[in-house]
Amino acid sequence: MTDEVEPVTFSVDGPDGSDEVEVPAGLLRLLAEEDDESMAQVVADIALMGFANRAHTLAHHGEEDASDELEAIEDATLDAFEERFGVTYGEATGHSH
């Protein structure tokens, strides 16, 4: 197996447990925005992007109207997105409401 396909394991620790995920090293190198960006930073970026996407989908594209609590969760997630990436979710995706 080449170094690019060789999996890299990341541990995720949270208040109620832990888990692991394996990702090909080459994918992380492709997704890095800067040469000095660590693999851990890339994984954290992708995680936050995924959470923002899911929060937006639940709040705006679900089968029911979003509750006040869900809207607050989406707002907090999108604020974290903007803080990390320096652009709004709508600017980054070209999708806003």
Protein backbone atom coordinates (compact mmCIF):
# COMPACT_ATOMS: atom_id res chain seq x y z
CA MET A 1 0.00 0.00 0.00
CA THR A 2 1.39 3.43 -0.90
CA ASP A 3 1.73 6.21 1.66
CA GLU A 4 -1.13 8.10 -0.04
CA VAL A 5 -3.58 5.22 0.44
CA GLU A 6 -2.31 4.20 3.87
CA PRO A 7 -4.98 5.05 6.44
CA VAL A 8 -4.37 7.52 9.23
CA THR A 9 -6.39 6.98 12.41
CA PHE A 10 -7.91 9.86 14.35
CA SER A 11 -9.45 9.59 17.79
CA VAL A 12 -12.51 11.60 18.73
CA ASP A 13 -13.04 12.08 22.45
CA GLY A 14 -16.21 13.57 23.85
CA PRO A 15 -18.08 13.93 27.12
CA ASP A 16 -19.94 10.66 26.61
CA GLY A 17 -17.33 8.44 24.95
CA SER A 18 -14.80 8.14 22.20
CA ASP A 19 -14.53 6.77 18.68
CA GLU A 20 -11.99 6.45 15.90
CA VAL A 21 -12.06 7.14 12.19
CA GLU A 22 -9.57 6.10 9.52
CA VAL A 23 -8.93 8.31 6.51
CA PRO A 24 -6.44 7.82 3.65
CA ALA A 25 -3.43 10.08 4.23
CA GLY A 26 -3.46 11.18 0.60
CA LEU A 27 -7.00 12.51 0.88
CA LEU A 28 -6.01 14.69 3.81
CA ARG A 29 -3.06 16.07 1.84
CA LEU A 30 -5.38 16.86 -1.09
CA LEU A 31 -7.84 18.65 1.17
CA ALA A 32 -5.25 20.71 3.05
CA GLU A 33 -5.56 24.35 2.07
CA GLU A 34 -1.98 25.18 3.04
CA ASP A 35 1.20 23.10 3.02
CA ASP A 36 1.68 23.54 6.77
CA GLU A 37 -1.91 22.61 7.69
CA SER A 38 -1.86 19.52 9.87
CA MET A 39 -3.94 16.43 9.14
CA ALA A 40 -5.77 17.06 12.42
CA GLN A 41 -6.74 20.56 11.24
CA VAL A 42 -8.08 19.13 7.99
CA VAL A 43 -10.18 16.56 9.87
CA ALA A 44 -11.52 19.25 12.22
CA ASP A 45 -12.36 21.52 9.25
CA ILE A 46 -14.24 18.72 7.49
CA ALA A 47 -16.07 17.82 10.70
CA LEU A 48 -17.27 21.40 11.19
CA MET A 49 -18.26 21.65 7.52
CA GLY A 50 -20.30 18.47 7.89
CA PHE A 51 -21.97 19.69 11.08
CA ALA A 52 -22.84 23.03 9.47
CA ASN A 53 -24.30 21.25 6.46
CA ARG A 54 -26.40 18.93 8.63
CA ALA A 55 -27.60 21.74 10.91
CA HIS A 56 -28.64 23.81 7.88
CA THR A 57 -30.39 20.85 6.29
CA LEU A 58 -32.30 20.02 9.47
CA ALA A 59 -33.33 23.65 10.03
CA HIS A 60 -34.33 24.53 6.45
CA HIS A 61 -34.89 21.39 4.43
CA GLY A 62 -36.56 19.09 6.93
CA GLU A 63 -40.10 17.85 6.62
CA GLU A 64 -41.33 20.03 9.47
CA ASP A 65 -40.81 23.65 10.44
CA ALA A 66 -37.73 24.10 12.57
CA SER A 67 -38.24 24.63 16.29
CA ASP A 68 -36.73 27.62 18.06
CA GLU A 69 -34.20 25.26 19.64
CA LEU A 70 -33.15 23.84 16.26
CA GLU A 71 -32.78 27.33 14.83
CA ALA A 72 -30.60 28.31 17.82
CA ILE A 73 -28.46 25.20 17.26
CA GLU A 74 -28.07 26.07 13.58
CA ASP A 75 -27.16 29.68 14.43
CA ALA A 76 -24.48 28.56 16.91
CA THR A 77 -23.06 26.07 14.39
CA LEU A 78 -22.97 28.63 11.58
CA ASP A 79 -21.32 31.15 13.92
CA ALA A 80 -18.60 28.58 14.65
CA PHE A 81 -18.26 27.98 10.89
CA GLU A 82 -17.79 31.70 10.19
CA GLU A 83 -15.33 32.08 13.04
CA ARG A 84 -13.19 29.17 11.80
CA PHE A 85 -13.30 29.90 8.07
CA GLY A 86 -13.72 33.68 7.92
CA VAL A 87 -16.75 33.50 5.65
CA THR A 88 -20.40 32.72 6.23
CA TYR A 89 -21.83 29.32 5.38
CA GLY A 90 -23.86 30.97 2.62
CA GLU A 91 -20.76 32.61 1.14
CA ALA A 92 -18.81 29.35 1.28
CA THR A 93 -21.54 27.23 -0.29
CA GLY A 94 -23.40 29.73 -2.45
CA HIS A 95 -26.53 28.61 -0.61
CA SER A 96 -28.38 30.85 1.81
CA HIS A 97 -31.91 31.63 2.91
